[in-house]
Amino acid sequence: MSLVIKGKTLSLPALIPSISSFETQIAPESAFDLQAALSEPITLVSAYDIHDNPNLIKKIAQFRIEGKIVLMDSGGYEASRINRYSNDEDRWKFENFKNCAASCETDLVASFDYFKQDSQSFSNYETDFISFIQEHDFIDKESLIPVIHLQDYIGTYTFSQAEALAICDRIVAEFSPAFIAIPERELGSGMAQKVRTVRAITEQLAATGRATKLHVLGCGNPLSFALLCAAGASMADGLEWCRTLVGADFKLHHFQQAELFDEPSSKIYNPTVEVIRNTVSDYKTLTLTLTRNLYALQQFNTEVVNMLAGGHLADFIEDNFGLKAAQLIRG
């Protein structure tokens, strides 16, 4: 399965290695350089990091010129985390996001975050949310990815499955986007519930003949990605590639344990990886560890695509993560 975005073809499902300035092992500008060198087909970068950063905007432009896809996130993740320390709620507003979208051309753009308010009924929330998405008319219709939050801002209210299905269906009916996006943490309290929620949403999209696909925000763990793809998700992103170490069986370890775990077997060839291996002598260096992670996740993504197409994804998950994980697919 594939999707054409502004003349560029993306194989699906796609695991996107996100880029962020908040608590990662590499600066956004350097992350772009490394991802470009390893021919990553798609990346996600925060509007918060792009804002007032001409150097990063140049990196994004070059990445796109080379035929790669850039998804711009709302910036809400970085702003909310940094506000825990600075307590500056005016640091990042819709106008900042709007100005950023105007100053930097990308291929896909996640909508600014909108949460249900305490006093809102679900009906009022639905109406207000539709109006809010309409305010994103500065973004090309083909590029806009509406972000649907299934919880309020502090997580005290969670939509029922019926409400979740209703708002997803309403947004898709109103805007016909290529994707809708939902944060992984809001899909349920455990993997089994997350899988059920994703399956319910994607089955409803299929039953109503919608072409819209589901993107899962903040889902960079390989196992979670595979399980949610099996349930119908088409795209996900996460920062695990620059926060953890990918082991031989695609399990994640502490970043600084690089020399303790073997890499996964190389089933795809990337010549840039070989160049870096031959020129970087210290295996514990930042560049080589991140190269290893990107290379491993490229392989994992390819395996998931192939196994899903062949009907063998559950077996692949059992081989790498165990029987209990595979049973979430087999039922």
C-alpha atoms as a PDB file:
ATOM      1  CA  MET A   1       0.000   0.000   0.000  1.00  0.00           C
ATOM      2  CA  SER A   2       1.267   3.483  -0.781  1.00  0.00           C
ATOM      3  CA  LEU A   3       0.164   7.097  -0.732  1.00  0.00           C
ATOM      4  CA  VAL A   4       1.107   9.947  -3.082  1.00  0.00           C
ATOM      5  CA  ILE A   5       1.745  13.238  -1.259  1.00  0.00           C
ATOM      6  CA  LYS A   6       2.530  16.284  -3.419  1.00  0.00           C
ATOM      7  CA  GLY A   7       3.955  14.053  -6.120  1.00  0.00           C
ATOM      8  CA  LYS A   8       5.981  11.928  -3.690  1.00  0.00           C
ATOM      9  CA  THR A   9       5.130   8.286  -3.062  1.00  0.00           C
ATOM     10  CA  LEU A  10       5.205   6.943   0.493  1.00  0.00           C
ATOM     11  CA  SER A  11       4.993   3.220   1.270  1.00  0.00           C
ATOM     12  CA  LEU A  12       2.592   2.382   4.075  1.00  0.00           C
ATOM     13  CA  PRO A  13       2.516   1.631   6.904  1.00  0.00           C
ATOM     14  CA  ALA A  14       5.267   4.117   7.758  1.00  0.00           C
ATOM     15  CA  LEU A  15       7.194   4.489  11.014  1.00  0.00           C
ATOM     16  CA  ILE A  16       8.455   8.090  11.163  1.00  0.00           C
ATOM     17  CA  PRO A  17      11.571   8.995  13.190  1.00  0.00           C
ATOM     18  CA  SER A  18      10.507  12.291  14.750  1.00  0.00           C
ATOM     19  CA  ILE A  19      12.776  15.267  15.355  1.00  0.00           C
ATOM     20  CA  SER A  20      12.544  17.407  18.497  1.00  0.00           C
ATOM     21  CA  SER A  21      14.596  19.809  20.586  1.00  0.00           C
ATOM     22  CA  PHE A  22      13.154  18.468  23.840  1.00  0.00           C
ATOM     23  CA  GLU A  23      15.226  15.845  25.701  1.00  0.00           C
ATOM     24  CA  THR A  24      16.696  14.021  22.712  1.00  0.00           C
ATOM     25  CA  GLN A  25      20.267  13.016  21.913  1.00  0.00           C
ATOM     26  CA  ILE A  26      20.626  15.206  18.826  1.00  0.00           C
ATOM     27  CA  ALA A  27      19.776  18.761  17.752  1.00  0.00           C
ATOM     28  CA  PRO A  28      17.038  19.123  15.098  1.00  0.00           C
ATOM     29  CA  GLU A  29      19.445  20.460  12.441  1.00  0.00           C
ATOM     30  CA  SER A  30      21.838  17.519  12.920  1.00  0.00           C
ATOM     31  CA  ALA A  31      18.956  15.067  12.965  1.00  0.00           C
ATOM     32  CA  PHE A  32      17.900  16.296   9.518  1.00  0.00           C
ATOM     33  CA  ASP A  33      21.440  15.799   8.211  1.00  0.00           C
ATOM     34  CA  LEU A  34      21.594  12.231   9.518  1.00  0.00           C
ATOM     35  CA  GLN A  35      18.136  11.271   8.284  1.00  0.00           C
ATOM     36  CA  ALA A  36      18.904  12.709   4.851  1.00  0.00           C
ATOM     37  CA  ALA A  37      22.188  10.774   4.722  1.00  0.00           C
ATOM     38  CA  LEU A  38      20.377   7.507   5.478  1.00  0.00           C
ATOM     39  CA  SER A  39      17.609   8.265   2.945  1.00  0.00           C
ATOM     40  CA  GLU A  40      14.728   8.371   5.404  1.00  0.00           C
ATOM     41  CA  PRO A  41      11.642   8.836   3.205  1.00  0.00           C
ATOM     42  CA  ILE A  42       9.675  10.877   5.770  1.00  0.00           C
ATOM     43  CA  THR A  43      10.296  12.801   8.959  1.00  0.00           C
ATOM     44  CA  LEU A  44       8.270  14.746  11.511  1.00  0.00           C
ATOM     45  CA  VAL A  45       9.454  18.078  12.884  1.00  0.00           C
ATOM     46  CA  SER A  46       7.798  20.372  15.394  1.00  0.00           C
ATOM     47  CA  ALA A  47       6.451  23.791  14.436  1.00  0.00           C
ATOM     48  CA  TYR A  48       7.771  24.934  17.809  1.00  0.00           C
ATOM     49  CA  ASP A  49      11.321  24.110  16.712  1.00  0.00           C
ATOM     50  CA  ILE A  50      10.858  25.588  13.229  1.00  0.00           C
ATOM     51  CA  HIS A  51       9.540  28.900  14.570  1.00  0.00           C
ATOM     52  CA  ASP A  52      12.138  31.675  14.149  1.00  0.00           C
ATOM     53  CA  ASN A  53      14.789  29.134  13.096  1.00  0.00           C
ATOM     54  CA  PRO A  54      15.963  30.005   9.535  1.00  0.00           C
ATOM     55  CA  ASN A  55      18.669  27.334   9.605  1.00  0.00           C
ATOM     56  CA  LEU A  56      16.154  24.589  10.305  1.00  0.00           C
ATOM     57  CA  ILE A  57      13.854  25.933   7.590  1.00  0.00           C
ATOM     58  CA  LYS A  58      16.749  25.624   5.115  1.00  0.00           C
ATOM     59  CA  LYS A  59      17.342  22.015   6.231  1.00  0.00           C
ATOM     60  CA  ILE A  60      13.669  21.226   5.669  1.00  0.00           C
ATOM     61  CA  ALA A  61      13.722  22.766   2.195  1.00  0.00           C
ATOM     62  CA  GLN A  62      16.769  20.706   1.198  1.00  0.00           C
ATOM     63  CA  PHE A  63      15.214  17.518   2.609  1.00  0.00           C
ATOM     64  CA  ARG A  64      12.122  18.102   0.479  1.00  0.00           C
ATOM     65  CA  ILE A  65      14.131  18.957  -2.649  1.00  0.00           C
ATOM     66  CA  GLU A  66      15.702  15.518  -2.358  1.00  0.00           C
ATOM     67  CA  GLY A  67      12.229  13.981  -2.695  1.00  0.00           C
ATOM     68  CA  LYS A  68      11.582  13.290   0.967  1.00  0.00           C
ATOM     69  CA  ILE A  69       8.418  14.083   2.900  1.00  0.00           C
ATOM     70  CA  VAL A  70       8.183  16.436   5.882  1.00  0.00           C
ATOM     71  CA  LEU A  71       5.284  16.326   8.349  1.00  0.00           C
ATOM     72  CA  MET A  72       5.055  19.413  10.563  1.00  0.00           C
ATOM     73  CA  ASP A  73       3.606  18.799  14.010  1.00  0.00           C
ATOM     74  CA  SER A  74       1.690  21.435  15.970  1.00  0.00           C
ATOM     75  CA  GLY A  75       4.457  22.185  18.473  1.00  0.00           C
ATOM     76  CA  GLY A  76       2.191  21.347  21.385  1.00  0.00           C
ATOM     77  CA  TYR A  77       4.479  18.599  22.680  1.00  0.00           C
ATOM     78  CA  GLU A  78       7.532  20.825  23.101  1.00  0.00           C
ATOM     79  CA  ALA A  79       5.529  23.797  24.371  1.00  0.00           C
ATOM     80  CA  SER A  80       3.699  21.774  27.026  1.00  0.00           C
ATOM     81  CA  ARG A  81       6.889  20.116  28.303  1.00  0.00           C
ATOM     82  CA  ILE A  82       8.888  23.323  28.425  1.00  0.00           C
ATOM     83  CA  ASN A  83       6.009  25.115  30.169  1.00  0.00           C
ATOM     84  CA  ARG A  84       6.403  22.699  33.070  1.00  0.00           C
ATOM     85  CA  TYR A  85       9.674  24.460  33.819  1.00  0.00           C
ATOM     86  CA  SER A  86       9.038  28.007  32.570  1.00  0.00           C
ATOM     87  CA  ASN A  87       5.298  28.356  33.298  1.00  0.00           C
ATOM     88  CA  ASP A  88       4.895  30.563  30.243  1.00  0.00           C
ATOM     89  CA  GLU A  89       1.577  29.650  28.639  1.00  0.00           C
ATOM     90  CA  ASP A  90       1.891  32.494  26.125  1.00  0.00           C
ATOM     91  CA  ARG A  91       5.057  30.954  24.695  1.00  0.00           C
ATOM     92  CA  TRP A  92       3.141  29.019  22.017  1.00  0.00           C
ATOM     93  CA  LYS A  93      -0.219  30.039  20.590  1.00  0.00           C
ATOM     94  CA  PHE A  94      -2.245  29.357  17.449  1.00  0.00           C
ATOM     95  CA  GLU A  95      -0.886  32.533  15.835  1.00  0.00           C
ATOM     96  CA  ASN A  96       2.691  31.294  16.342  1.00  0.00           C
ATOM     97  CA  PHE A  97       1.728  28.036  14.654  1.00  0.00           C
ATOM     98  CA  LYS A  98      -0.010  29.870  11.819  1.00  0.00           C
ATOM     99  CA  ASN A  99       3.017  32.092  11.202  1.00  0.00           C
ATOM    100  CA  CYS A 100       5.281  29.055  11.207  1.00  0.00           C
ATOM    101  CA  ALA A 101       3.147  27.245   8.623  1.00  0.00           C
ATOM    102  CA  ALA A 102       3.346  30.321   6.411  1.00  0.00           C
ATOM    103  CA  SER A 103       7.124  30.630   6.720  1.00  0.00           C
ATOM    104  CA  CYS A 104       8.036  26.997   6.063  1.00  0.00           C
ATOM    105  CA  GLU A 105       6.634  24.815   3.290  1.00  0.00           C
ATOM    106  CA  THR A 106       6.090  21.181   4.247  1.00  0.00           C
ATOM    107  CA  ASP A 107       4.133  18.244   2.817  1.00  0.00           C
ATOM    108  CA  LEU A 108       1.817  17.382   5.697  1.00  0.00           C
ATOM    109  CA  VAL A 109       0.747  19.512   8.676  1.00  0.00           C
ATOM    110  CA  ALA A 110      -0.888  18.312  11.882  1.00  0.00           C
ATOM    111  CA  SER A 111      -3.549  20.699  13.155  1.00  0.00           C
ATOM    112  CA  PHE A 112      -3.061  22.780  16.277  1.00  0.00           C
ATOM    113  CA  ASP A 113      -4.188  21.007  19.435  1.00  0.00           C
ATOM    114  CA  TYR A 114      -7.795  21.430  20.556  1.00  0.00           C
ATOM    115  CA  PHE A 115      -9.108  19.803  23.733  1.00  0.00           C
ATOM    116  CA  LYS A 116     -12.584  19.398  25.157  1.00  0.00           C
ATOM    117  CA  GLN A 117     -13.255  21.986  27.870  1.00  0.00           C
ATOM    118  CA  ASP A 118     -14.639  21.048  31.275  1.00  0.00           C
ATOM    119  CA  SER A 119     -18.002  22.710  30.722  1.00  0.00           C
ATOM    120  CA  GLN A 120     -18.573  21.498  27.165  1.00  0.00           C
ATOM    121  CA  SER A 121     -21.080  18.852  26.288  1.00  0.00           C
ATOM    122  CA  PHE A 122     -19.870  16.423  23.649  1.00  0.00           C
ATOM    123  CA  SER A 123     -22.235  17.988  21.117  1.00  0.00           C
ATOM    124  CA  ASN A 124     -20.828  21.470  21.763  1.00  0.00           C
ATOM    125  CA  TYR A 125     -17.284  20.153  21.660  1.00  0.00           C
ATOM    126  CA  GLU A 126     -17.930  18.538  18.291  1.00  0.00           C
ATOM    127  CA  THR A 127     -19.348  21.773  16.839  1.00  0.00           C
ATOM    128  CA  ASP A 128     -16.541  23.925  18.242  1.00  0.00           C
ATOM    129  CA  PHE A 129     -13.876  21.491  17.053  1.00  0.00           C
ATOM    130  CA  ILE A 130     -15.245  21.534  13.503  1.00  0.00           C
ATOM    131  CA  SER A 131     -15.111  25.339  13.556  1.00  0.00           C
ATOM    132  CA  PHE A 132     -11.560  25.259  14.887  1.00  0.00           C
ATOM    133  CA  ILE A 133     -10.347  22.938  12.115  1.00  0.00           C
ATOM    134  CA  GLN A 134     -11.980  25.265   9.586  1.00  0.00           C
ATOM    135  CA  GLU A 135      -9.685  28.020  10.892  1.00  0.00           C
ATOM    136  CA  HIS A 136      -6.756  26.036   9.429  1.00  0.00           C
ATOM    137  CA  ASP A 137      -7.620  27.296   5.947  1.00  0.00           C
ATOM    138  CA  PHE A 138      -4.058  28.627   5.611  1.00  0.00           C
ATOM    139  CA  ILE A 139      -2.976  24.987   5.125  1.00  0.00           C
ATOM    140  CA  ASP A 140      -3.605  23.170   1.839  1.00  0.00           C
ATOM    141  CA  LYS A 141      -6.536  20.794   2.160  1.00  0.00           C
ATOM    142  CA  GLU A 142      -4.439  17.861   0.914  1.00  0.00           C
ATOM    143  CA  SER A 143      -1.784  18.580   3.556  1.00  0.00           C
ATOM    144  CA  LEU A 144      -3.894  19.074   6.687  1.00  0.00           C
ATOM    145  CA  ILE A 145      -4.035  16.255   9.233  1.00  0.00           C
ATOM    146  CA  PRO A 146      -6.708  16.969  11.869  1.00  0.00           C
ATOM    147  CA  VAL A 147      -5.468  15.923  15.317  1.00  0.00           C
ATOM    148  CA  ILE A 148      -8.263  14.411  17.388  1.00  0.00           C
ATOM    149  CA  HIS A 149      -7.747  14.332  21.156  1.00  0.00           C
ATOM    150  CA  LEU A 150      -9.757  11.623  22.892  1.00  0.00           C
ATOM    151  CA  GLN A 151      -9.050  13.133  26.319  1.00  0.00           C
ATOM    152  CA  ASP A 152      -9.178  16.609  27.790  1.00  0.00           C
ATOM    153  CA  TYR A 153      -5.896  18.454  28.385  1.00  0.00           C
ATOM    154  CA  ILE A 154      -5.160  16.925  31.790  1.00  0.00           C
ATOM    155  CA  GLY A 155      -6.589  13.490  31.017  1.00  0.00           C
ATOM    156  CA  THR A 156      -9.469  13.525  33.492  1.00  0.00           C
ATOM    157  CA  TYR A 157     -12.103  13.034  30.791  1.00  0.00           C
ATOM    158  CA  THR A 158     -11.859  10.322  28.162  1.00  0.00           C
ATOM    159  CA  PHE A 159     -14.281   9.886  25.286  1.00  0.00           C
ATOM    160  CA  SER A 160     -16.294   6.702  25.161  1.00  0.00           C
ATOM    161  CA  GLN A 161     -15.736   4.500  22.127  1.00  0.00           C
ATOM    162  CA  ALA A 162     -19.031   5.716  20.675  1.00  0.00           C
ATOM    163  CA  GLU A 163     -17.925   9.342  21.106  1.00  0.00           C
ATOM    164  CA  ALA A 164     -14.497   8.610  19.635  1.00  0.00           C
ATOM    165  CA  LEU A 165     -16.043   6.973  16.579  1.00  0.00           C
ATOM    166  CA  ALA A 166     -18.536   9.814  16.202  1.00  0.00           C
ATOM    167  CA  ILE A 167     -15.938  12.603  16.221  1.00  0.00           C
ATOM    168  CA  CYS A 168     -13.626  10.695  13.869  1.00  0.00           C
ATOM    169  CA  ASP A 169     -16.474  10.099  11.429  1.00  0.00           C
ATOM    170  CA  ARG A 170     -17.618  13.731  11.621  1.00  0.00           C
ATOM    171  CA  ILE A 171     -14.136  15.125  10.973  1.00  0.00           C
ATOM    172  CA  VAL A 172     -13.574  12.791   8.033  1.00  0.00           C
ATOM    173  CA  ALA A 173     -17.001  13.573   6.563  1.00  0.00           C
ATOM    174  CA  GLU A 174     -16.425  17.330   6.845  1.00  0.00           C
ATOM    175  CA  PHE A 175     -12.832  17.531   5.595  1.00  0.00           C
ATOM    176  CA  SER A 176     -11.949  14.269   3.760  1.00  0.00           C
ATOM    177  CA  PRO A 177      -8.304  14.441   4.931  1.00  0.00           C
ATOM    178  CA  ALA A 178      -5.644  11.963   3.851  1.00  0.00           C
ATOM    179  CA  PHE A 179      -5.066  11.209   7.551  1.00  0.00           C
ATOM    180  CA  ILE A 180      -6.552  11.873  10.932  1.00  0.00           C
ATOM    181  CA  ALA A 181      -4.156  11.709  13.884  1.00  0.00           C
ATOM    182  CA  ILE A 182      -4.695  10.532  17.462  1.00  0.00           C
ATOM    183  CA  PRO A 183      -2.028  10.440  20.222  1.00  0.00           C
ATOM    184  CA  GLU A 184      -1.131   6.888  21.211  1.00  0.00           C
ATOM    185  CA  ARG A 185      -1.451   7.639  24.927  1.00  0.00           C
ATOM    186  CA  GLU A 186      -5.129   8.546  24.426  1.00  0.00           C
ATOM    187  CA  LEU A 187      -6.111   5.320  22.675  1.00  0.00           C
ATOM    188  CA  GLY A 188      -6.444   3.340  25.904  1.00  0.00           C
ATOM    189  CA  SER A 189      -4.827   2.318  29.172  1.00  0.00           C
ATOM    190  CA  GLY A 190      -2.955  -0.696  27.776  1.00  0.00           C
ATOM    191  CA  MET A 191      -1.947  -2.203  24.458  1.00  0.00           C
ATOM    192  CA  ALA A 192      -4.983  -4.460  24.231  1.00  0.00           C
ATOM    193  CA  GLN A 193      -7.325  -1.491  24.593  1.00  0.00           C
ATOM    194  CA  LYS A 194      -5.270   0.622  22.180  1.00  0.00           C
ATOM    195  CA  VAL A 195      -5.486  -2.154  19.596  1.00  0.00           C
ATOM    196  CA  ARG A 196      -9.269  -2.376  20.042  1.00  0.00           C
ATOM    197  CA  THR A 197      -9.684   1.393  19.679  1.00  0.00           C
ATOM    198  CA  VAL A 198      -7.570   1.556  16.515  1.00  0.00           C
ATOM    199  CA  ARG A 199      -9.390  -1.417  15.021  1.00  0.00           C
ATOM    200  CA  ALA A 200     -12.788   0.140  15.742  1.00  0.00           C
ATOM    201  CA  ILE A 201     -11.806   3.454  14.127  1.00  0.00           C
ATOM    202  CA  THR A 202     -10.167   1.975  11.028  1.00  0.00           C
ATOM    203  CA  GLU A 203     -12.958  -0.556  10.514  1.00  0.00           C
ATOM    204  CA  GLN A 204     -15.487   2.262  10.643  1.00  0.00           C
ATOM    205  CA  LEU A 205     -13.476   4.242   8.075  1.00  0.00           C
ATOM    206  CA  ALA A 206     -13.388   1.193   5.804  1.00  0.00           C
ATOM    207  CA  ALA A 207     -17.084   0.410   6.275  1.00  0.00           C
ATOM    208  CA  THR A 208     -18.096   3.926   5.268  1.00  0.00           C
ATOM    209  CA  GLY A 209     -15.810   3.876   2.239  1.00  0.00           C
ATOM    210  CA  ARG A 210     -13.538   6.609   3.572  1.00  0.00           C
ATOM    211  CA  ALA A 211     -10.086   6.935   2.022  1.00  0.00           C
ATOM    212  CA  THR A 212      -8.775   8.619   5.194  1.00  0.00           C
ATOM    213  CA  LYS A 213      -6.076   6.738   7.091  1.00  0.00           C
ATOM    214  CA  LEU A 214      -5.030   6.816  10.744  1.00  0.00           C
ATOM    215  CA  HIS A 215      -1.782   8.314  12.020  1.00  0.00           C
ATOM    216  CA  VAL A 216      -0.810   7.515  15.627  1.00  0.00           C
ATOM    217  CA  LEU A 217       1.099  10.372  17.247  1.00  0.00           C
ATOM    218  CA  GLY A 218       3.953   9.582  19.614  1.00  0.00           C
ATOM    219  CA  CYS A 219       4.135   5.879  18.773  1.00  0.00           C
ATOM    220  CA  GLY A 220       7.790   5.155  17.963  1.00  0.00           C
ATOM    221  CA  ASN A 221       8.138   1.905  19.869  1.00  0.00           C
ATOM    222  CA  PRO A 222       8.579  -0.878  17.273  1.00  0.00           C
ATOM    223  CA  LEU A 223       6.265  -3.350  19.006  1.00  0.00           C
ATOM    224  CA  SER A 224       3.507  -0.774  19.520  1.00  0.00           C
ATOM    225  CA  PHE A 225       3.841   0.327  15.901  1.00  0.00           C
ATOM    226  CA  ALA A 226       3.516  -3.242  14.613  1.00  0.00           C
ATOM    227  CA  LEU A 227       0.512  -4.049  16.806  1.00  0.00           C
ATOM    228  CA  LEU A 228      -1.352  -0.878  15.858  1.00  0.00           C
ATOM    229  CA  CYS A 229      -0.567  -1.416  12.169  1.00  0.00           C
ATOM    230  CA  ALA A 230      -2.052  -4.885  12.468  1.00  0.00           C
ATOM    231  CA  ALA A 231      -5.170  -3.192  13.852  1.00  0.00           C
ATOM    232  CA  GLY A 232      -5.343  -0.838  10.860  1.00  0.00           C
ATOM    233  CA  ALA A 233      -3.104   2.181  11.558  1.00  0.00           C
ATOM    234  CA  SER A 234      -1.145   3.397   8.525  1.00  0.00           C
ATOM    235  CA  MET A 235       1.432   5.747  10.014  1.00  0.00           C
ATOM    236  CA  ALA A 236       3.063   6.555  13.351  1.00  0.00           C
ATOM    237  CA  ASP A 237       5.908   8.652  14.682  1.00  0.00           C
ATOM    238  CA  GLY A 238       8.134   8.749  17.733  1.00  0.00           C
ATOM    239  CA  LEU A 239      11.423   9.824  19.286  1.00  0.00           C
ATOM    240  CA  GLU A 240      12.619   6.392  20.386  1.00  0.00           C
ATOM    241  CA  TRP A 241      15.266   6.352  17.631  1.00  0.00           C
ATOM    242  CA  CYS A 242      17.095   9.239  19.353  1.00  0.00           C
ATOM    243  CA  ARG A 243      16.305   8.351  22.961  1.00  0.00           C
ATOM    244  CA  THR A 244      16.887   4.605  23.189  1.00  0.00           C
ATOM    245  CA  LEU A 245      18.962   1.826  21.639  1.00  0.00           C
ATOM    246  CA  VAL A 246      17.459  -0.702  19.226  1.00  0.00           C
ATOM    247  CA  GLY A 247      18.639  -4.235  20.031  1.00  0.00           C
ATOM    248  CA  ALA A 248      19.043  -7.308  17.841  1.00  0.00           C
ATOM    249  CA  ASP A 249      15.408  -8.385  18.270  1.00  0.00           C
ATOM    250  CA  PHE A 250      14.142  -4.802  17.928  1.00  0.00           C
ATOM    251  CA  LYS A 251      13.675  -4.433  21.682  1.00  0.00           C
ATOM    252  CA  LEU A 252      14.695  -1.061  23.107  1.00  0.00           C
ATOM    253  CA  HIS A 253      17.440  -0.503  25.670  1.00  0.00           C
ATOM    254  CA  HIS A 254      19.097   2.396  27.452  1.00  0.00           C
ATOM    255  CA  PHE A 255      20.854   4.674  24.974  1.00  0.00           C
ATOM    256  CA  GLN A 256      24.268   4.295  26.595  1.00  0.00           C
ATOM    257  CA  GLN A 257      24.213   0.470  26.419  1.00  0.00           C
ATOM    258  CA  ALA A 258      25.176   0.425  22.732  1.00  0.00           C
ATOM    259  CA  GLU A 259      28.176  -1.884  23.096  1.00  0.00           C
ATOM    260  CA  LEU A 260      26.184  -4.515  25.027  1.00  0.00           C
ATOM    261  CA  PHE A 261      23.676  -5.487  22.322  1.00  0.00           C
ATOM    262  CA  ASP A 262      24.045  -6.692  18.759  1.00  0.00           C
ATOM    263  CA  GLU A 263      22.304  -5.002  15.875  1.00  0.00           C
ATOM    264  CA  PRO A 264      19.389  -6.660  14.074  1.00  0.00           C
ATOM    265  CA  SER A 265      20.371  -8.683  11.017  1.00  0.00           C
ATOM    266  CA  SER A 266      20.737  -6.460   7.951  1.00  0.00           C
ATOM    267  CA  LYS A 267      18.032  -7.406   5.449  1.00  0.00           C
ATOM    268  CA  ILE A 268      18.154  -4.143   3.530  1.00  0.00           C
ATOM    269  CA  TYR A 269      21.294  -2.466   2.241  1.00  0.00           C
ATOM    270  CA  ASN A 270      22.134   1.155   2.946  1.00  0.00           C
ATOM    271  CA  PRO A 271      25.587   2.167   1.683  1.00  0.00           C
ATOM    272  CA  THR A 272      25.751   5.227   3.927  1.00  0.00           C
ATOM    273  CA  VAL A 273      25.652   2.971   6.983  1.00  0.00           C
ATOM    274  CA  GLU A 274      28.724   1.134   5.734  1.00  0.00           C
ATOM    275  CA  VAL A 275      30.571   4.420   5.193  1.00  0.00           C
ATOM    276  CA  ILE A 276      29.838   5.551   8.737  1.00  0.00           C
ATOM    277  CA  ARG A 277      30.871   2.186  10.163  1.00  0.00           C
ATOM    278  CA  ASN A 278      34.182   2.339   8.357  1.00  0.00           C
ATOM    279  CA  THR A 279      34.988   5.928   9.309  1.00  0.00           C
ATOM    280  CA  VAL A 280      33.812   6.123  12.935  1.00  0.00           C
ATOM    281  CA  SER A 281      36.108   4.134  15.194  1.00  0.00           C
ATOM    282  CA  ASP A 282      34.347   4.562  18.545  1.00  0.00           C
ATOM    283  CA  TYR A 283      31.166   2.487  18.574  1.00  0.00           C
ATOM    284  CA  LYS A 284      29.790   4.486  21.479  1.00  0.00           C
ATOM    285  CA  THR A 285      29.814   7.779  19.610  1.00  0.00           C
ATOM    286  CA  LEU A 286      26.533   9.550  19.185  1.00  0.00           C
ATOM    287  CA  THR A 287      26.566   9.487  15.386  1.00  0.00           C
ATOM    288  CA  LEU A 288      27.105   5.757  15.075  1.00  0.00           C
ATOM    289  CA  THR A 289      24.533   4.819  17.685  1.00  0.00           C
ATOM    290  CA  LEU A 290      21.856   6.942  16.024  1.00  0.00           C
ATOM    291  CA  THR A 291      22.842   5.586  12.615  1.00  0.00           C
ATOM    292  CA  ARG A 292      22.412   2.082  13.982  1.00  0.00           C
ATOM    293  CA  ASN A 293      18.964   2.969  15.318  1.00  0.00           C
ATOM    294  CA  LEU A 294      17.726   4.531  12.077  1.00  0.00           C
ATOM    295  CA  TYR A 295      19.060   1.606  10.067  1.00  0.00           C
ATOM    296  CA  ALA A 296      17.431  -0.915  12.404  1.00  0.00           C
ATOM    297  CA  LEU A 297      14.063   0.836  12.281  1.00  0.00           C
ATOM    298  CA  GLN A 298      14.221   1.092   8.497  1.00  0.00           C
ATOM    299  CA  GLN A 299      14.583  -2.685   8.475  1.00  0.00           C
ATOM    300  CA  PHE A 300      11.785  -3.098  11.008  1.00  0.00           C
ATOM    301  CA  ASN A 301       9.431  -0.932   8.968  1.00  0.00           C
ATOM    302  CA  THR A 302      10.225  -2.949   5.842  1.00  0.00           C
ATOM    303  CA  GLU A 303       9.586  -6.205   7.712  1.00  0.00           C
ATOM    304  CA  VAL A 304       6.238  -4.945   9.020  1.00  0.00           C
ATOM    305  CA  VAL A 305       5.137  -3.891   5.519  1.00  0.00           C
ATOM    306  CA  ASN A 306       6.135  -7.245   4.029  1.00  0.00           C
ATOM    307  CA  MET A 307       4.741  -9.389   6.841  1.00  0.00           C
ATOM    308  CA  LEU A 308       1.477  -7.471   6.909  1.00  0.00           C
ATOM    309  CA  ALA A 309       1.063  -7.892   3.146  1.00  0.00           C
ATOM    310  CA  GLY A 310       1.816 -11.598   3.403  1.00  0.00           C
ATOM    311  CA  GLY A 311      -0.393 -12.246   6.426  1.00  0.00           C
ATOM    312  CA  HIS A 312       2.547 -13.215   8.657  1.00  0.00           C
ATOM    313  CA  LEU A 313       2.835 -10.222  10.984  1.00  0.00           C
ATOM    314  CA  ALA A 314       1.711 -12.172  14.060  1.00  0.00           C
ATOM    315  CA  ASP A 315       4.473 -14.729  13.486  1.00  0.00           C
ATOM    316  CA  PHE A 316       7.032 -11.942  13.063  1.00  0.00           C
ATOM    317  CA  ILE A 317       5.907 -10.341  16.335  1.00  0.00           C
ATOM    318  CA  GLU A 318       6.058 -13.676  18.156  1.00  0.00           C
ATOM    319  CA  ASP A 319       9.604 -14.293  16.894  1.00  0.00           C
ATOM    320  CA  ASN A 320      10.811 -10.921  18.151  1.00  0.00           C
ATOM    321  CA  PHE A 321       8.577 -10.047  21.099  1.00  0.00           C
ATOM    322  CA  GLY A 322       6.956 -13.262  22.314  1.00  0.00           C
ATOM    323  CA  LEU A 323       3.688 -15.162  22.247  1.00  0.00           C
ATOM    324  CA  LYS A 324       1.636 -12.770  24.399  1.00  0.00           C
ATOM    325  CA  ALA A 325       2.297  -9.877  22.042  1.00  0.00           C
ATOM    326  CA  ALA A 326       1.354 -11.960  19.012  1.00  0.00           C
ATOM    327  CA  GLN A 327      -1.897 -13.020  20.645  1.00  0.00           C
ATOM    328  CA  LEU A 328      -3.136  -9.422  20.504  1.00  0.00           C
ATOM    329  CA  ILE A 329      -3.268  -9.905  16.736  1.00  0.00           C
ATOM    330  CA  ARG A 330      -4.434 -13.486  16.626  1.00  0.00           C
ATOM    331  CA  GLY A 331      -7.206 -12.835  19.148  1.00  0.00           C
END
